[in-house]
Amino acid sequence: MRKIVVEGGLPLRGQIEVSGAKNAVLPLMAATLLADGVSVIEDSPWLADVETMSAVLSSLGLICDYICGSLHINNAGRMHTEPPDELVQRMRASFLVMGPLLARCGRVRMSLPGGCAIGARPIDLHLKGLEALGAEISIDGNGYIEATASRLRGCQIYLDFPSVGATENLMMAAALAEGSTVIGNAAEEPEIVDLSNMLSAMGAKIKGAGTNIIRIKGVKELKPARHTVIPDRIEAGSFMVIAAATGGELIITNVITEHIKSVTAKLREAGVKVEEGYDGVHVIGGPRPVPVDVTTLPYPGFPTDMQAQFMALLTLAGGTSVITETVFENRFRHAEELKKMSADIKTNGHSAVINGVKRLRGAVVEATDLRAGAAMIVAALAAEGITGIGNIQHIERGYENICGKLTAVGAKIKVVEEK
């Protein structure tokens, strides 16, 4: 039984470096299925999700080694097409192997994916897009998906919602399809651009990544590549909120400031001082944040992955704030945990009303999902007294060495083992 224990109430000061992006490296890893040989992904974080995706690729016949911050993935071309249920159900991003396997092998069979319990997150957009590319797809009564295609063929695809995962899966499948593919209403997240850059280095012909229309001209084969993953914008935003919540002062490096503009703008609206530099941001928290309203939206809007951390900050604001969640229908579970720490929050459907309190108090809480776990750390660092956070496996899915990084800037935080 492992948990994170935090002694709060200390303003954090110093410099903290952001790791490579979890949400970028996972599709990059899946892309290595598209080419024989050794691909290298540099500046990769070593996280539970990266370890799981490495296991998925290993189960498919690839060899994954993590060496000095870089993933070396060797695809010898002898790929299996049925990843193990246990791995697929552990992490939703495992579904990203479907497009590449269809494109290379013409067949894939896998169970429905798992992951954080933050909403339905249906895979129908993935399947509709792959069917449009020529795949035949069936789902049996036990929840197994089987897809076959003698050769994928380019087509026009319009996504009903700009799903990041569906856009990534379809980009990888279309890269080896016959003819041209146009993905309309595509996701515009920086992680999409990062995947496009790696695919282009592998020989793919892609235009428009980062806009809502992506055009892909299929090629006959791709080659392995070396690519450096972008910094994690959600980790950067989380540290920015921590500086604000603790009334501290942090210099956060390895940040692409363009990727966090919506978070920066909302923090400034809340009265937090944010100075942008060449390689990062300087965040100075005040005595108490100003209440603000937040609505989550697809990129470049305010990210749903920052909603929980911002809620933790707004529990300390001098007034009432409203958060509206438009991306996932079940992403307020952390509100109940924050209330254990004396927060005043009322949720109703897709909205949460937060009445700021003067102080939070340490308590025993749970990380109900990855970003909720980050919110618990934000709250615990700002609270009076000691907080114990359980279910920390969720946090370890997306934050590399978070306790070590925060300890280095003055936090009293550690992982403890309990029998």
Protein backbone atom coordinates (compact mmCIF):
# COMPACT_ATOMS: atom_id res chain seq x y z
CA MET A 1 0.00 0.00 0.00
CA ARG A 2 1.77 3.13 -1.24
CA LYS A 3 0.69 6.72 -0.75
CA ILE A 4 2.04 10.24 -1.06
CA VAL A 5 2.31 12.20 2.18
CA VAL A 6 2.47 15.99 2.00
CA GLU A 7 3.11 18.54 4.75
CA GLY A 8 1.57 21.68 3.28
CA GLY A 9 1.58 25.40 3.82
CA LEU A 10 5.04 26.11 2.41
CA PRO A 11 5.62 28.55 -0.49
CA LEU A 12 7.71 26.73 -3.10
CA ARG A 13 10.68 28.53 -4.64
CA GLY A 14 13.28 27.54 -7.18
CA GLN A 15 13.63 26.05 -10.64
CA ILE A 16 11.87 22.98 -11.93
CA GLU A 17 12.25 21.23 -15.30
CA VAL A 18 9.38 19.75 -17.27
CA SER A 19 9.71 16.25 -18.72
CA GLY A 20 8.77 15.07 -22.19
CA ALA A 21 5.05 14.88 -22.91
CA LYS A 22 3.22 11.72 -21.92
CA ASN A 23 0.41 12.41 -24.38
CA ALA A 24 2.94 12.84 -27.19
CA VAL A 25 5.27 9.92 -26.55
CA LEU A 26 2.56 7.23 -26.53
CA PRO A 27 1.43 7.79 -30.16
CA LEU A 28 5.09 8.19 -31.17
CA MET A 29 5.73 4.74 -29.75
CA ALA A 30 2.77 3.31 -31.67
CA ALA A 31 4.13 4.87 -34.86
CA THR A 32 7.22 2.65 -34.66
CA LEU A 33 4.97 -0.21 -35.80
CA LEU A 34 4.88 1.44 -39.24
CA ALA A 35 8.55 0.84 -40.13
CA ASP A 36 11.11 -1.94 -39.78
CA GLY A 37 14.32 -1.08 -37.95
CA VAL A 38 15.28 0.89 -34.84
CA SER A 39 13.51 4.15 -34.05
CA VAL A 40 14.72 6.41 -31.23
CA ILE A 41 12.46 8.72 -29.24
CA GLU A 42 14.58 11.17 -27.27
CA ASP A 43 13.62 13.04 -24.08
CA SER A 44 10.97 10.44 -23.31
CA PRO A 45 9.70 10.40 -19.74
CA TRP A 46 9.74 7.06 -17.95
CA LEU A 47 6.18 6.73 -16.66
CA ALA A 48 3.80 3.91 -15.86
CA ASP A 49 1.96 4.58 -19.15
CA VAL A 50 5.22 4.49 -21.12
CA GLU A 51 6.09 1.22 -19.42
CA THR A 52 2.66 -0.17 -20.34
CA MET A 53 2.99 0.90 -23.98
CA SER A 54 6.47 -0.65 -24.07
CA ALA A 55 4.91 -3.89 -22.85
CA VAL A 56 2.21 -3.64 -25.54
CA LEU A 57 4.82 -3.21 -28.26
CA SER A 58 6.93 -6.02 -26.81
CA SER A 59 3.90 -8.31 -26.90
CA LEU A 60 3.59 -7.51 -30.61
CA GLY A 61 7.18 -8.56 -31.31
CA LEU A 62 9.12 -5.30 -30.95
CA ILE A 63 12.07 -4.78 -28.59
CA CYS A 64 11.91 -1.69 -26.37
CA ASP A 65 14.88 -0.34 -24.40
CA TYR A 66 14.99 2.82 -22.29
CA ILE A 67 18.55 4.19 -22.34
CA CYS A 68 19.55 7.50 -20.74
CA GLY A 69 16.24 9.23 -21.37
CA SER A 70 15.68 7.80 -24.85
CA LEU A 71 13.43 4.99 -26.03
CA HIS A 72 15.05 2.65 -28.55
CA ILE A 73 12.38 0.58 -30.28
CA ASN A 74 13.46 -2.18 -32.65
CA ASN A 75 10.84 -3.45 -35.09
CA ALA A 76 12.21 -6.54 -36.81
CA GLY A 77 9.11 -6.80 -39.01
CA ARG A 78 7.71 -9.97 -37.42
CA MET A 79 4.69 -8.43 -35.75
CA HIS A 80 1.84 -10.11 -33.88
CA THR A 81 -1.61 -8.61 -34.27
CA GLU A 82 -3.33 -9.42 -30.95
CA PRO A 83 -2.10 -7.39 -27.96
CA PRO A 84 -2.87 -8.99 -24.58
CA ASP A 85 -6.15 -8.05 -22.91
CA GLU A 86 -4.50 -7.20 -19.60
CA LEU A 87 -2.31 -4.53 -21.18
CA VAL A 88 -4.99 -3.07 -23.44
CA GLN A 89 -7.46 -2.73 -20.58
CA ARG A 90 -4.86 -1.00 -18.41
CA MET A 91 -4.46 2.04 -20.67
CA ARG A 92 -6.68 3.68 -23.27
CA ALA A 93 -3.75 4.78 -25.44
CA SER A 94 -3.04 1.12 -26.23
CA PHE A 95 -5.79 1.46 -28.85
CA LEU A 96 -3.37 3.56 -30.90
CA VAL A 97 -1.76 0.35 -32.20
CA MET A 98 -4.88 -0.48 -34.22
CA GLY A 99 -4.24 1.93 -37.10
CA PRO A 100 -0.56 1.03 -37.58
CA LEU A 101 -1.23 -2.73 -37.32
CA LEU A 102 -4.01 -2.52 -39.91
CA ALA A 103 -1.76 -0.56 -42.23
CA ARG A 104 1.19 -2.96 -41.88
CA CYS A 105 -0.39 -6.35 -41.26
CA GLY A 106 -3.94 -6.03 -42.57
CA ARG A 107 -5.42 -7.41 -39.36
CA VAL A 108 -5.76 -6.63 -35.68
CA ARG A 109 -7.80 -8.15 -32.86
CA MET A 110 -7.97 -6.53 -29.44
CA SER A 111 -10.26 -5.93 -26.50
CA LEU A 112 -11.85 -2.60 -25.71
CA PRO A 113 -9.31 -0.23 -24.09
CA GLY A 114 -9.25 0.89 -20.47
CA GLY A 115 -7.81 3.91 -18.64
CA CYS A 116 -8.99 6.58 -16.23
CA ALA A 117 -12.70 6.57 -15.28
CA ILE A 118 -13.40 10.12 -16.46
CA GLY A 119 -16.16 9.42 -18.96
CA ALA A 120 -17.28 7.15 -21.77
CA ARG A 121 -14.61 8.29 -24.26
CA PRO A 122 -16.09 6.13 -27.05
CA ILE A 123 -13.88 4.67 -29.77
CA ASP A 124 -16.54 4.96 -32.46
CA LEU A 125 -14.67 7.81 -34.18
CA HIS A 126 -11.59 5.58 -34.53
CA LEU A 127 -13.65 2.74 -35.96
CA LYS A 128 -15.71 4.90 -38.34
CA GLY A 129 -12.54 6.43 -39.73
CA LEU A 130 -10.82 3.07 -40.21
CA GLU A 131 -13.95 1.72 -41.92
CA ALA A 132 -13.89 4.71 -44.27
CA LEU A 133 -10.29 3.75 -45.11
CA GLY A 134 -11.54 0.30 -46.15
CA ALA A 135 -11.29 -1.80 -42.99
CA GLU A 136 -13.93 -4.38 -42.14
CA ILE A 137 -14.65 -4.19 -38.42
CA SER A 138 -16.65 -6.45 -36.12
CA ILE A 139 -17.21 -6.43 -32.35
CA ASP A 140 -18.21 -9.69 -30.69
CA GLY A 141 -20.30 -10.17 -27.56
CA ASN A 142 -17.20 -10.39 -25.37
CA GLY A 143 -15.99 -6.91 -26.26
CA TYR A 144 -13.31 -7.91 -28.77
CA ILE A 145 -12.76 -5.80 -31.85
CA GLU A 146 -11.46 -7.43 -35.02
CA ALA A 147 -10.47 -5.37 -38.03
CA THR A 148 -9.16 -6.57 -41.39
CA ALA A 149 -8.10 -4.83 -44.59
CA SER A 150 -6.22 -6.18 -47.58
CA ARG A 151 -5.09 -2.59 -48.29
CA LEU A 152 -6.28 0.65 -46.80
CA ARG A 153 -7.34 3.29 -49.31
CA GLY A 154 -7.31 7.04 -48.89
CA CYS A 155 -10.61 8.85 -48.49
CA GLN A 156 -12.38 11.87 -47.03
CA ILE A 157 -13.01 11.60 -43.26
CA TYR A 158 -14.91 14.06 -41.09
CA LEU A 159 -14.72 13.60 -37.33
CA ASP A 160 -17.92 14.39 -35.42
CA PHE A 161 -15.68 15.61 -32.56
CA PRO A 162 -11.99 16.63 -32.81
CA SER A 163 -10.78 13.54 -30.97
CA VAL A 164 -7.03 13.50 -30.39
CA GLY A 165 -6.78 9.71 -30.31
CA ALA A 166 -8.89 9.20 -33.42
CA THR A 167 -6.90 11.84 -35.32
CA GLU A 168 -3.64 10.11 -34.34
CA ASN A 169 -4.86 6.62 -35.22
CA LEU A 170 -6.16 7.73 -38.60
CA MET A 171 -3.00 9.70 -39.41
CA MET A 172 -0.87 6.60 -38.83
CA ALA A 173 -3.18 4.33 -40.83
CA ALA A 174 -3.46 6.79 -43.71
CA ALA A 175 0.32 7.23 -43.92
CA LEU A 176 0.56 3.80 -45.61
CA ALA A 177 -2.84 3.81 -47.34
CA GLU A 178 -3.15 3.86 -51.10
CA GLY A 179 -3.96 7.37 -52.34
CA SER A 180 -4.78 10.54 -50.42
CA THR A 181 -6.71 11.04 -47.18
CA VAL A 182 -8.23 14.23 -45.81
CA ILE A 183 -9.20 14.34 -42.12
CA GLY A 184 -11.69 17.11 -41.42
CA ASN A 185 -12.47 18.53 -37.98
CA ALA A 186 -9.15 17.05 -36.89
CA ALA A 187 -7.74 17.68 -33.43
CA GLU A 188 -5.25 20.57 -33.34
CA GLU A 189 -3.28 19.70 -30.18
CA PRO A 190 0.52 20.10 -30.13
CA GLU A 191 0.79 16.32 -29.70
CA ILE A 192 -0.78 15.94 -33.17
CA VAL A 193 1.92 18.16 -34.64
CA ASP A 194 4.61 16.15 -32.81
CA LEU A 195 3.29 12.89 -34.28
CA SER A 196 3.16 14.48 -37.74
CA ASN A 197 6.78 15.58 -37.38
CA MET A 198 7.91 12.06 -36.50
CA LEU A 199 5.87 10.50 -39.30
CA SER A 200 7.37 13.01 -41.74
CA ALA A 201 10.85 12.05 -40.54
CA MET A 202 9.87 8.44 -41.30
CA GLY A 203 8.96 9.44 -44.87
CA ALA A 204 5.23 10.16 -44.57
CA LYS A 205 3.66 12.96 -46.60
CA ILE A 206 1.47 15.02 -44.26
CA LYS A 207 0.26 18.60 -44.43
CA GLY A 208 -1.93 20.62 -42.10
CA ALA A 209 -1.16 19.10 -38.69
CA GLY A 210 -2.07 21.68 -36.07
CA THR A 211 -5.07 22.85 -38.12
CA ASN A 212 -8.51 21.25 -38.39
CA ILE A 213 -7.81 19.80 -41.83
CA ILE A 214 -4.98 17.28 -42.23
CA ARG A 215 -4.01 15.97 -45.67
CA ILE A 216 -2.05 12.75 -46.02
CA LYS A 217 -0.69 11.22 -49.21
CA GLY A 218 -0.01 7.54 -48.60
CA VAL A 219 3.38 6.02 -49.35
CA LYS A 220 4.39 2.39 -49.89
CA GLU A 221 6.75 2.16 -46.92
CA LEU A 222 8.24 4.14 -44.09
CA LYS A 223 11.67 4.05 -42.49
CA PRO A 224 12.68 4.29 -38.82
CA ALA A 225 13.52 7.72 -37.43
CA ARG A 226 15.05 9.59 -34.51
CA HIS A 227 12.77 12.17 -32.92
CA THR A 228 12.71 14.35 -29.78
CA VAL A 229 9.39 14.48 -27.96
CA ILE A 230 7.90 17.88 -27.07
CA PRO A 231 7.76 19.06 -23.42
CA ASP A 232 4.68 18.12 -21.41
CA ARG A 233 2.35 21.15 -21.44
CA ILE A 234 0.08 19.61 -18.76
CA GLU A 235 2.98 19.02 -16.39
CA ALA A 236 4.10 22.60 -17.03
CA GLY A 237 0.59 23.89 -16.27
CA SER A 238 0.42 21.78 -13.12
CA PHE A 239 3.65 23.31 -11.76
CA MET A 240 2.38 26.79 -12.66
CA VAL A 241 -0.76 26.17 -10.61
CA ILE A 242 1.32 24.79 -7.73
CA ALA A 243 3.35 28.02 -7.65
CA ALA A 244 0.11 30.02 -7.56
CA ALA A 245 -1.60 27.87 -4.92
CA THR A 246 1.34 27.95 -2.51
CA GLY A 247 2.05 31.65 -2.97
CA GLY A 248 5.46 30.61 -4.19
CA GLU A 249 7.80 31.55 -7.02
CA LEU A 250 8.88 28.97 -9.59
CA ILE A 251 10.96 29.17 -12.74
CA ILE A 252 9.64 26.33 -14.91
CA THR A 253 11.96 25.32 -17.76
CA ASN A 254 11.66 23.17 -20.88
CA VAL A 255 8.32 24.75 -21.75
CA ILE A 256 6.95 25.73 -25.16
CA THR A 257 5.00 28.79 -24.06
CA GLU A 258 2.76 28.72 -27.15
CA HIS A 259 1.36 25.39 -25.93
CA ILE A 260 0.18 26.78 -22.56
CA LYS A 261 -1.29 30.13 -23.60
CA SER A 262 -4.79 29.32 -22.35
CA VAL A 263 -3.47 28.30 -18.92
CA THR A 264 -1.21 31.35 -18.75
CA ALA A 265 -4.11 33.65 -19.64
CA LYS A 266 -6.39 32.15 -17.00
CA LEU A 267 -3.70 32.34 -14.30
CA ARG A 268 -3.12 36.00 -15.11
CA GLU A 269 -6.87 36.57 -14.90
CA ALA A 270 -6.71 34.99 -11.44
CA GLY A 271 -4.12 37.57 -10.40
CA VAL A 272 -1.05 35.37 -10.75
CA LYS A 273 2.08 36.93 -12.25
CA VAL A 274 3.43 34.92 -15.20
CA GLU A 275 6.51 36.04 -17.13
CA GLU A 276 7.34 34.19 -20.34
CA GLY A 277 10.93 33.48 -21.36
CA TYR A 278 12.73 31.70 -24.18
CA ASP A 279 12.66 28.26 -22.56
CA GLY A 280 10.02 28.58 -19.87
CA VAL A 281 7.94 30.66 -17.52
CA HIS A 282 8.45 32.48 -14.23
CA VAL A 283 5.37 32.20 -12.01
CA ILE A 284 4.86 34.29 -8.89
CA GLY A 285 1.86 33.52 -6.70
CA GLY A 286 0.07 36.15 -4.64
CA PRO A 287 -1.58 35.95 -1.21
CA ARG A 288 -4.89 34.73 -2.68
CA PRO A 289 -6.12 34.10 -6.25
CA VAL A 290 -8.94 36.10 -7.78
CA PRO A 291 -12.04 34.01 -8.64
CA VAL A 292 -12.42 33.20 -12.35
CA ASP A 293 -14.72 31.14 -14.54
CA VAL A 294 -13.26 28.31 -16.62
CA THR A 295 -14.70 26.38 -19.55
CA THR A 296 -12.76 23.41 -20.93
CA LEU A 297 -12.49 23.14 -24.69
CA PRO A 298 -10.41 21.30 -27.30
CA TYR A 299 -7.06 22.94 -28.07
CA PRO A 300 -6.35 25.84 -28.26
CA GLY A 301 -9.02 26.26 -25.56
CA PHE A 302 -8.47 25.59 -21.87
CA PRO A 303 -7.44 21.91 -21.55
CA THR A 304 -9.67 19.43 -19.75
CA ASP A 305 -6.45 17.90 -18.39
CA MET A 306 -5.89 21.12 -16.37
CA GLN A 307 -9.42 21.41 -15.02
CA ALA A 308 -8.86 19.46 -11.78
CA GLN A 309 -5.66 21.32 -10.87
CA PHE A 310 -7.35 24.67 -11.51
CA MET A 311 -10.30 23.65 -9.34
CA ALA A 312 -7.86 22.98 -6.50
CA LEU A 313 -6.42 26.49 -6.95
CA LEU A 314 -9.85 28.14 -7.06
CA THR A 315 -10.87 26.56 -3.74
CA LEU A 316 -8.62 29.25 -2.22
CA ALA A 317 -9.90 32.18 -4.32
CA GLY A 318 -11.46 35.25 -2.73
CA GLY A 319 -14.96 34.66 -4.10
CA THR A 320 -17.00 32.33 -6.30
CA SER A 321 -15.76 30.61 -9.46
CA VAL A 322 -17.58 28.39 -11.96
CA ILE A 323 -15.96 25.58 -13.94
CA THR A 324 -17.80 24.14 -16.93
CA GLU A 325 -16.53 20.80 -18.27
CA THR A 326 -17.46 20.29 -21.94
CA VAL A 327 -15.09 17.49 -22.95
CA PHE A 328 -15.77 14.63 -20.51
CA GLU A 329 -19.02 13.93 -18.70
CA ASN A 330 -17.59 12.40 -15.54
CA ARG A 331 -14.65 14.59 -14.59
CA PHE A 332 -15.61 16.11 -11.26
CA ARG A 333 -14.85 13.14 -9.01
CA HIS A 334 -11.97 15.09 -7.46
CA ALA A 335 -14.49 17.63 -6.08
CA GLU A 336 -15.54 15.17 -3.36
CA GLU A 337 -11.92 14.64 -2.38
CA LEU A 338 -11.26 18.39 -2.22
CA LYS A 339 -14.31 18.77 0.02
CA LYS A 340 -12.61 16.45 2.52
CA MET A 341 -9.98 19.20 2.78
CA SER A 342 -12.65 21.84 3.67
CA ALA A 343 -13.23 23.06 0.11
CA ASP A 344 -16.69 24.46 -0.67
CA ILE A 345 -17.73 22.97 -4.02
CA LYS A 346 -21.12 22.14 -5.52
CA THR A 347 -21.37 20.15 -8.73
CA ASN A 348 -24.36 19.87 -11.04
CA GLY A 349 -23.94 17.98 -14.30
CA HIS A 350 -21.21 19.64 -16.33
CA SER A 351 -20.72 22.58 -13.95
CA ALA A 352 -19.01 23.09 -10.61
CA VAL A 353 -19.44 26.14 -8.39
CA ILE A 354 -16.44 26.81 -6.14
CA ASN A 355 -16.79 29.20 -3.20
CA GLY A 356 -13.28 30.04 -2.13
CA VAL A 357 -12.21 29.40 1.46
CA LYS A 358 -9.36 31.05 3.37
CA ARG A 359 -7.54 27.80 3.94
CA LEU A 360 -7.61 24.10 3.13
CA ARG A 361 -6.84 21.52 5.78
CA GLY A 362 -4.87 18.32 5.40
CA ALA A 363 -6.89 15.10 5.11
CA VAL A 364 -6.81 11.55 3.82
CA VAL A 365 -7.82 11.65 0.15
CA GLU A 366 -7.67 9.54 -3.01
CA ALA A 367 -6.39 10.17 -6.52
CA THR A 368 -9.50 9.15 -8.49
CA ASP A 369 -7.70 9.55 -11.82
CA LEU A 370 -4.44 10.95 -13.20
CA ARG A 371 -5.26 14.67 -13.22
CA ALA A 372 -7.36 14.40 -10.07
CA GLY A 373 -4.21 13.08 -8.42
CA ALA A 374 -2.34 16.18 -9.53
CA ALA A 375 -5.15 18.29 -8.07
CA MET A 376 -4.74 16.53 -4.73
CA ILE A 377 -1.04 17.40 -4.76
CA VAL A 378 -1.86 21.06 -5.53
CA ALA A 379 -4.34 21.19 -2.66
CA ALA A 380 -2.09 19.29 -0.25
CA LEU A 381 0.87 21.62 -0.86
CA ALA A 382 -1.34 24.64 -0.15
CA ALA A 383 -3.19 23.17 2.85
CA GLU A 384 -2.46 23.44 6.53
CA GLY A 385 -1.29 20.19 8.07
CA ILE A 386 -0.57 16.78 6.60
CA THR A 387 -2.38 15.14 3.67
CA GLY A 388 -2.18 11.50 2.68
CA ILE A 389 -2.98 10.72 -0.97
CA GLY A 390 -3.92 7.18 -1.93
CA ASN A 391 -4.17 5.44 -5.33
CA ILE A 392 -0.96 7.11 -6.41
CA GLN A 393 -0.59 4.71 -9.34
CA HIS A 394 -2.81 7.16 -11.21
CA ILE A 395 -0.34 10.00 -10.59
CA GLU A 396 2.60 7.85 -11.66
CA ARG A 397 0.95 7.31 -15.02
CA GLY A 398 1.61 10.91 -16.04
CA TYR A 399 4.14 12.68 -13.78
CA GLU A 400 7.78 11.66 -13.80
CA ASN A 401 9.51 11.85 -10.40
CA ILE A 402 7.02 14.45 -9.19
CA CYS A 403 7.96 14.07 -5.53
CA GLY A 404 11.64 14.51 -6.30
CA LYS A 405 11.03 17.58 -8.44
CA LEU A 406 8.83 19.23 -5.81
CA THR A 407 11.19 18.36 -2.94
CA ALA A 408 13.96 20.18 -4.82
CA VAL A 409 11.94 23.44 -4.67
CA GLY A 410 11.07 23.21 -0.99
CA ALA A 411 8.07 20.89 -0.75
CA LYS A 412 7.74 18.39 2.06
CA ILE A 413 6.40 15.49 0.03
CA LYS A 414 7.32 11.82 -0.10
CA VAL A 415 6.07 8.38 -1.07
CA VAL A 416 5.57 6.04 1.88
CA GLU A 417 4.92 2.31 2.02
CA GLU A 418 2.27 0.96 4.36
CA LYS A 419 1.66 -2.67 5.19
